Protein backbone atom coordinates (compact mmCIF):
# COMPACT_ATOMS: atom_id res chain seq x y z
CA MET A 1 8.04 26.57 -2.49
CA SER A 2 5.95 24.21 -1.79
CA LEU A 3 6.45 21.42 0.25
CA LEU A 4 4.25 18.78 -1.62
CA LEU A 5 7.52 19.12 -4.17
CA GLU A 6 10.22 19.31 -1.93
CA PRO A 7 12.69 16.27 -1.86
CA TYR A 8 12.13 13.64 0.97
CA THR A 9 14.94 11.27 2.58
CA LEU A 10 14.41 8.20 4.72
CA ARG A 11 17.47 6.35 5.57
CA GLN A 12 19.73 6.64 2.65
CA LEU A 13 17.17 6.90 -0.27
CA THR A 14 15.92 10.25 -0.98
CA LEU A 15 12.31 10.93 -2.89
CA ARG A 16 12.54 13.14 -5.61
CA ASN A 17 8.81 14.94 -3.80
CA ARG A 18 6.49 13.71 -1.19
CA ILE A 19 4.14 12.38 -3.58
CA VAL A 20 3.53 8.35 -3.20
CA VAL A 21 1.49 6.01 -5.82
CA SER A 22 -0.60 4.27 -3.29
CA PRO A 23 -0.94 0.34 -3.58
CA MET A 24 -4.10 -0.01 -6.15
CA CYS A 25 -5.05 -3.31 -6.52
CA GLN A 26 -5.71 -4.03 -10.63
CA TYR A 27 -7.01 -7.18 -10.84
CA SER A 28 -4.96 -8.16 -13.96
CA CYS A 29 -2.52 -11.41 -13.61
CA ALA A 30 -2.19 -14.79 -14.38
CA ASP A 31 -0.76 -16.96 -12.00
CA GLY A 32 0.47 -13.90 -9.64
CA LEU A 33 2.85 -12.62 -12.97
CA ALA A 34 2.67 -8.80 -14.29
CA ASN A 35 2.77 -8.18 -17.34
CA ASP A 36 2.40 -5.43 -19.94
CA TRP A 37 -1.03 -3.73 -18.12
CA HIS A 38 1.49 -3.55 -14.83
CA LEU A 39 4.18 -1.87 -16.55
CA VAL A 40 2.04 0.82 -18.58
CA HIS A 41 0.32 1.42 -15.42
CA LEU A 42 2.97 2.10 -13.09
CA GLY A 43 5.49 3.63 -15.19
CA SER A 44 2.86 6.00 -16.78
CA ARG A 45 2.97 7.31 -12.85
CA ALA A 46 6.52 7.48 -12.99
CA VAL A 47 6.35 9.37 -15.84
CA GLY A 48 4.21 11.92 -14.33
CA GLY A 49 5.92 12.78 -11.61
CA ALA A 50 5.38 11.06 -8.65
CA GLY A 51 8.35 10.20 -5.98
CA LEU A 52 7.67 6.68 -5.25
CA ILE A 53 5.65 3.89 -7.31
CA PHE A 54 4.03 0.86 -5.42
CA THR A 55 2.48 -1.87 -6.89
CA GLU A 56 -0.64 -3.17 -5.79
CA ALA A 57 -0.86 -5.58 -2.80
CA ALA A 58 1.69 -8.67 -3.51
CA ALA A 59 0.06 -12.09 -2.38
CA VAL A 60 2.87 -13.62 -0.28
CA THR A 61 0.99 -17.24 -0.67
CA GLN A 62 -0.59 -18.61 -3.29
CA ASP A 63 -4.11 -18.90 -1.27
CA GLY A 64 -3.16 -15.14 0.32
CA ARG A 65 -5.07 -13.72 -3.07
CA ILE A 66 -7.86 -11.53 -2.95
CA THR A 67 -8.61 -12.53 -6.13
CA PRO A 68 -7.15 -15.25 -8.59
CA GLU A 69 -6.00 -12.36 -11.05
CA ASP A 70 -3.74 -10.76 -8.11
CA LEU A 71 -0.02 -10.01 -8.53
CA GLY A 72 2.39 -12.31 -6.75
CA LEU A 73 5.57 -12.44 -5.38
CA TRP A 74 5.45 -16.21 -3.71
CA ASN A 75 7.94 -17.66 -6.42
CA ASP A 76 10.85 -16.69 -8.53
CA GLU A 77 9.10 -16.87 -11.61
CA GLN A 78 6.99 -13.94 -10.58
CA ILE A 79 10.71 -11.54 -10.43
CA GLU A 80 11.71 -11.29 -14.04
CA PRO A 81 8.54 -9.25 -15.15
CA LEU A 82 8.73 -7.38 -11.94
CA GLN A 83 12.47 -5.84 -12.67
CA ARG A 84 11.30 -4.80 -15.93
CA ILE A 85 8.53 -2.39 -14.45
CA THR A 86 11.55 -1.53 -11.54
CA ARG A 87 13.75 -0.88 -14.40
CA PHE A 88 11.78 1.51 -16.00
CA ILE A 89 10.42 3.63 -12.89
CA ASN A 90 14.09 4.25 -11.79
CA ALA A 91 14.82 5.47 -15.15
CA GLN A 92 12.04 8.17 -14.89
CA GLY A 93 13.69 9.20 -11.81
CA ALA A 94 11.28 8.05 -9.59
CA VAL A 95 11.27 5.01 -6.69
CA ALA A 96 9.74 1.91 -6.72
CA GLY A 97 7.74 0.04 -3.98
CA ILE A 98 5.70 -2.75 -3.78
CA GLN A 99 3.67 -4.04 -0.87
CA LEU A 100 3.22 -7.51 0.79
CA SER A 101 0.07 -9.07 1.74
CA HIS A 102 -2.02 -12.03 2.54
CA ALA A 103 -5.67 -11.66 2.27
CA GLY A 104 -6.80 -13.99 4.99
CA ARG A 105 -10.45 -14.21 5.18
CA LYS A 106 -11.21 -11.78 2.45
CA ALA A 107 -9.16 -14.14 0.06
CA SER A 108 -10.71 -16.33 -2.84
CA THR A 109 -13.29 -13.73 -4.23
CA TRP A 110 -14.34 -12.58 -7.53
CA ARG A 111 -12.58 -9.50 -9.36
CA PRO A 112 -15.15 -6.14 -8.90
CA TRP A 113 -16.28 -5.36 -12.19
CA VAL A 114 -17.15 -9.28 -12.31
CA SER A 115 -18.90 -9.25 -8.85
CA GLN A 116 -18.85 -6.50 -6.04
CA SER A 117 -18.24 -9.34 -3.05
CA GLY A 118 -18.72 -12.53 -2.43
CA ALA A 119 -16.22 -15.94 -2.61
CA ILE A 120 -15.97 -17.59 -5.67
CA PRO A 121 -17.22 -21.13 -5.19
CA ALA A 122 -15.14 -24.05 -5.21
CA ASP A 123 -16.55 -25.67 -8.52
CA GLN A 124 -15.25 -21.91 -10.04
CA GLY A 125 -11.96 -22.04 -8.84
CA GLY A 126 -12.14 -20.72 -5.44
CA TRP A 127 -10.34 -21.65 -2.59
CA SER A 128 -10.70 -22.25 1.26
CA THR A 129 -9.10 -19.42 3.15
CA TRP A 130 -7.29 -18.96 6.57
CA GLY A 131 -7.72 -16.55 9.56
CA PRO A 132 -7.29 -15.69 12.71
CA SER A 133 -10.71 -17.13 13.89
CA GLU A 134 -14.01 -19.08 12.04
CA ILE A 135 -15.43 -15.54 11.39
CA ALA A 136 -16.77 -14.65 8.09
CA PHE A 137 -16.27 -10.89 6.90
CA ASP A 138 -19.82 -11.54 5.60
CA PRO A 139 -22.10 -14.14 5.06
CA THR A 140 -21.37 -13.87 1.42
CA TYR A 141 -17.44 -14.74 2.11
CA THR A 142 -16.22 -18.32 3.21
CA VAL A 143 -15.90 -19.40 6.67
CA PRO A 144 -11.91 -19.17 7.20
CA THR A 145 -9.53 -21.81 9.13
CA PRO A 146 -8.02 -20.88 12.10
CA LEU A 147 -4.42 -21.04 11.41
CA ASP A 148 -2.55 -22.80 13.86
CA GLU A 149 1.31 -22.12 14.93
CA ALA A 150 3.02 -23.76 12.75
CA GLN A 151 0.73 -22.37 9.93
CA ILE A 152 1.72 -18.95 11.22
CA LYS A 153 5.21 -19.71 11.34
CA ASP A 154 4.68 -20.54 7.42
CA ILE A 155 3.16 -17.08 6.98
CA ILE A 156 6.14 -15.43 8.34
CA LYS A 157 8.07 -17.24 6.41
CA ALA A 158 6.56 -16.27 3.44
CA PHE A 159 6.78 -12.71 4.13
CA VAL A 160 10.60 -13.04 4.38
CA ASP A 161 10.80 -14.88 1.64
CA ALA A 162 8.67 -12.15 -0.72
CA ALA A 163 11.10 -9.54 0.75
CA LYS A 164 14.60 -11.61 -0.55
CA ARG A 165 12.39 -11.35 -3.46
CA ALA A 166 11.47 -7.65 -3.85
CA LEU A 167 15.11 -6.47 -3.79
CA THR A 168 16.03 -8.67 -6.00
CA ALA A 169 13.26 -7.58 -8.47
CA GLY A 170 14.79 -4.10 -7.85
CA PHE A 171 12.40 -2.66 -5.36
CA LYS A 172 13.55 -0.13 -2.86
CA VAL A 173 10.52 0.09 -0.56
CA VAL A 174 8.76 -2.79 1.27
CA GLU A 175 5.63 -1.88 2.79
CA ILE A 176 3.68 -4.46 4.66
CA HIS A 177 0.05 -4.96 4.47
CA ALA A 178 -1.70 -4.91 7.80
CA ALA A 179 -4.61 -3.03 7.13
CA HIS A 180 -8.15 -3.04 5.22
CA GLY A 181 -9.43 -6.29 6.63
CA TYR A 182 -6.74 -8.37 4.91
CA LEU A 183 -4.31 -11.50 7.72
CA LEU A 184 -2.57 -8.98 9.60
CA HIS A 185 -5.50 -6.35 9.94
CA GLN A 186 -7.80 -9.40 10.74
CA PHE A 187 -5.69 -10.60 13.49
CA LEU A 188 -5.11 -6.85 14.75
CA SER A 189 -9.01 -6.26 15.31
CA PRO A 190 -10.98 -8.28 17.98
CA LEU A 191 -14.08 -8.08 15.90
CA SER A 192 -12.00 -10.95 13.86
CA ASN A 193 -9.69 -12.29 16.03
CA GLN A 194 -11.27 -14.32 18.92
CA ARG A 195 -8.04 -16.98 19.91
CA GLN A 196 -7.36 -17.72 22.90
CA ASP A 197 -3.78 -18.38 22.72
CA GLN A 198 -0.47 -16.24 22.21
CA TYR A 199 -2.13 -14.40 18.99
CA GLY A 200 -5.51 -13.17 20.31
CA GLY A 201 -7.19 -12.01 23.37
CA SER A 202 -4.90 -8.86 24.67
CA PHE A 203 -3.56 -6.18 23.01
CA GLU A 204 0.01 -7.65 23.57
CA ASN A 205 -1.24 -10.89 21.55
CA ARG A 206 -3.16 -9.46 18.60
CA ILE A 207 -0.17 -7.40 17.47
CA ARG A 208 2.27 -10.69 18.08
CA LEU A 209 1.84 -11.21 14.13
CA THR A 210 2.45 -8.00 12.63
CA LEU A 211 5.49 -7.38 14.98
CA GLU A 212 7.06 -10.89 14.11
CA ILE A 213 6.57 -10.55 10.79
CA THR A 214 8.04 -6.82 10.72
CA LYS A 215 11.13 -8.00 12.06
CA ALA A 216 11.81 -10.64 10.82
CA VAL A 217 10.98 -8.78 7.12
CA ARG A 218 13.40 -5.89 8.88
CA GLU A 219 16.35 -8.56 9.55
CA VAL A 220 16.61 -9.45 5.54
CA TRP A 221 15.81 -6.03 4.64
CA PRO A 222 18.92 -3.49 3.44
CA ALA A 223 19.22 -1.40 6.59
CA ASP A 224 19.51 1.19 4.15
CA LEU A 225 16.52 0.57 2.55
CA PRO A 226 13.03 2.27 4.28
CA LEU A 227 10.20 -0.39 5.19
CA PHE A 228 6.52 0.87 5.99
CA VAL A 229 3.72 -0.40 7.30
CA ARG A 230 -0.25 0.09 6.23
CA VAL A 231 -2.55 0.20 9.11
CA SER A 232 -6.21 1.11 9.28
CA ALA A 233 -5.99 3.44 12.37
CA THR A 234 -9.89 2.52 13.14
CA ASP A 235 -12.21 0.03 11.69
CA TRP A 236 -15.23 2.60 12.90
CA VAL A 237 -17.11 0.13 15.04
CA GLU A 238 -17.55 0.40 19.02
CA GLY A 239 -14.98 -2.24 20.15
CA GLY A 240 -13.22 -2.83 16.90
CA TRP A 241 -9.33 -1.63 16.78
CA ASN A 242 -9.01 1.73 17.19
CA ALA A 243 -6.85 4.59 17.31
CA ASP A 244 -5.00 4.45 20.40
CA GLU A 245 -4.00 1.03 19.46
CA THR A 246 -2.78 2.01 16.23
CA VAL A 247 -0.78 4.48 18.00
CA GLU A 248 0.71 2.13 20.59
CA LEU A 249 1.66 -0.33 17.92
CA ALA A 250 3.05 2.52 15.82
CA LYS A 251 5.72 2.68 19.03
CA ARG A 252 6.61 -1.09 18.72
CA LEU A 253 6.82 -0.93 14.83
CA LYS A 254 9.34 2.08 14.98
CA ALA A 255 11.55 0.58 17.88
CA LEU A 256 11.66 -2.33 15.38
CA GLY A 257 13.28 -0.19 12.19
CA VAL A 258 9.94 0.60 10.67
CA ASP A 259 10.61 4.19 8.62
CA LEU A 260 6.74 5.47 8.00
CA MET A 261 3.34 4.42 9.26
CA ASP A 262 0.94 4.69 5.85
CA VAL A 263 -1.99 5.46 7.68
CA SER A 264 -5.42 4.45 6.25
CA SER A 265 -8.98 3.15 8.18
CA GLY A 266 -11.52 0.88 7.90
CA GLY A 267 -12.24 -2.56 6.13
CA SER A 268 -12.29 -4.91 8.68
CA ALA A 269 -16.64 -4.21 9.13
CA PRO A 270 -18.48 -4.72 6.03
CA LYS A 271 -21.05 -2.11 7.79
CA ALA A 272 -19.38 0.01 9.45
CA GLU A 273 -20.29 3.25 9.13
CA ILE A 274 -17.46 5.95 7.76
CA PRO A 275 -17.60 9.60 7.59
CA VAL A 276 -15.74 9.63 3.88
CA GLY A 277 -14.76 13.25 2.91
CA PRO A 278 -12.12 15.30 2.13
CA GLY A 279 -9.09 14.27 4.32
CA TYR A 280 -11.15 12.06 6.47
CA GLN A 281 -8.47 9.96 7.86
CA THR A 282 -5.43 12.52 7.74
CA GLU A 283 -6.25 13.02 11.70
CA PHE A 284 -4.91 9.71 12.55
CA ALA A 285 -1.74 10.22 10.19
CA GLY A 286 -1.54 13.35 12.44
CA ARG A 287 -2.20 11.61 15.58
CA VAL A 288 0.24 8.52 14.70
CA ARG A 289 3.18 11.37 13.42
CA LYS A 290 2.76 13.13 16.85
CA GLU A 291 1.94 10.65 19.61
CA ALA A 292 4.64 7.84 18.09
CA ASP A 293 7.37 9.88 17.26
CA ILE A 294 7.61 8.46 13.49
CA PRO A 295 6.93 9.72 9.95
CA SER A 296 3.69 8.98 8.83
CA GLY A 297 1.68 8.80 5.41
CA ALA A 298 -1.70 10.62 4.75
CA VAL A 299 -4.39 9.11 2.36
CA GLY A 300 -8.21 9.43 1.54
CA MET A 301 -9.67 11.78 -1.02
CA ILE A 302 -7.12 13.72 -1.44
CA THR A 303 -7.36 15.34 -4.30
CA GLU A 304 -6.49 19.00 -4.69
CA PRO A 305 -2.67 20.25 -4.62
CA THR A 306 -3.23 22.80 -1.87
CA GLN A 307 -5.65 20.34 0.06
CA ALA A 308 -2.13 18.17 0.02
CA ASP A 309 0.81 20.64 0.93
CA THR A 310 -1.56 22.42 3.49
CA ILE A 311 -1.34 18.59 5.34
CA LEU A 312 2.13 18.70 5.11
CA ARG A 313 2.69 22.27 6.33
CA THR A 314 0.18 21.60 9.75
CA GLY A 315 2.54 18.42 10.78
CA GLN A 316 -0.34 15.94 10.03
CA ALA A 317 1.90 13.58 7.52
CA ASP A 318 5.32 13.44 6.05
CA LEU A 319 4.21 11.81 2.38
CA ILE A 320 0.89 12.25 0.46
CA PHE A 321 -0.64 8.95 -1.00
CA LEU A 322 -2.48 9.15 -3.81
CA ALA A 323 -4.39 6.12 -5.11
CA ARG A 324 -8.18 7.50 -6.82
CA GLU A 325 -6.66 10.34 -8.16
CA LEU A 326 -3.79 9.24 -9.75
CA LEU A 327 -6.01 6.62 -11.79
CA ARG A 328 -7.94 9.89 -13.32
CA ASP A 329 -4.63 11.98 -13.81
CA PRO A 330 -1.47 9.66 -13.48
CA TYR A 331 -0.06 13.80 -14.41
CA TRP A 332 -1.31 14.69 -11.59
CA PRO A 333 2.38 16.01 -9.46
CA LEU A 334 3.38 17.64 -13.02
CA ARG A 335 -0.16 19.49 -12.65
CA ALA A 336 0.18 20.50 -8.81
CA ASP A 337 3.90 22.27 -9.19
CA GLU A 338 2.16 24.32 -12.18
CA HIS A 339 -0.39 25.25 -9.71
CA LEU A 340 1.49 25.52 -6.77
CA GLY A 341 3.84 27.84 -8.77
CA GLY A 342 7.12 25.87 -7.47
CA ARG A 343 8.68 25.14 -11.03
CA GLN A 344 10.07 21.82 -8.95
CA ALA A 345 9.09 19.11 -11.42
CA THR A 346 9.86 18.83 -15.12
CA TRP A 347 7.87 16.99 -18.04
CA PRO A 348 9.38 14.67 -20.06
CA ALA A 349 10.80 16.26 -22.78
CA GLN A 350 8.98 14.01 -25.10
CA TYR A 351 6.13 15.86 -23.76
CA GLN A 352 7.61 19.18 -23.28
CA ARG A 353 6.30 20.94 -26.57
CA ALA A 354 2.86 20.13 -25.59
CA THR A 355 3.11 21.52 -22.12
CA HIS A 356 3.48 25.75 -22.84
CA ARG A 357 0.10 26.75 -25.27
CA ASP A 358 1.96 30.09 -25.95
CA GLN A 359 4.72 28.74 -27.47
CA PRO A 360 4.77 29.18 -31.49
CA ILE A 361 4.12 26.00 -33.27
CA HIS A 362 7.88 24.41 -34.63
CA GLU A 363 8.17 22.62 -38.09
CA SER A 364 8.82 19.22 -35.63
CA ASP A 365 5.12 19.74 -34.44
CA LEU A 366 3.39 19.46 -38.17
CA ARG A 367 5.19 16.12 -38.17
CA ASP A 368 2.60 14.47 -35.23
């Protein structure tokens, strides 16, 4: 039997399998509101058999968006469109999750099919950005204004308020985004954080904001529902955030009630040399799982069912997060089940007549 297709339980929530739709920005909102695109995009992955469906990063403040077209959860008007999506996901037997984020110094940029990088000028709709220190991501980005401690408290409250809205919207899993060079990662990494106060300098100070947000969100998130944190295990740059620090952070987060670490890498340095290849980040998920004694999720060029199942069987991770592969094929989980010979997954009734080519043609098929 395939471990990939077996159910997995965290707290009182059971996923039908260990396949997760990783958060993937769609850059298709107006005023942070989900729309028909998001319903079809996320809904089709639920129909396709994934166990847990994450939205893209949802900005907790308007100025925390990566682009003007980002999903948001900074006001109550953004709840209802998401409820429509979570209802559909739940109806397909999947679980709906949402990632909460603030882009920090990487905010106010063009969506990628308009421009691959760089800040939007103020006269074209751009806005001022925030960060731990006055260090731009690269010369094409805006130099951020350092957050003062009162503003940091506002950011913490924004994550809490967004988590409350997420619950009202019907989500069963919340993930705090502390990876890929966005605000929380900016505080974690010495490359972007050169503060001299309680939020900068030492390891203890650099992790403080991530811990404070996690603690505050866990306090308002129901005890029977899981909380995830996504981290970049390494900046892939000498003197940056590293895997040893990630393991130690994971231990602290586990003590605060985090249920799973979603382990990625990179995003804090524009010229990092990253050895990209199949499963290139799974070793970090394995380290976190073993050394911090907390469940982990693996992500990064995982494309084949056997590869995914092997990652689970060798103890490198508990869940498999798929991104681009699920953009290419929303039905990858159903095909994976067929490939692994498990027969644990079921195609939707509406599609079953097309899934077995050796079956005879029925009269109803001639109506298509």
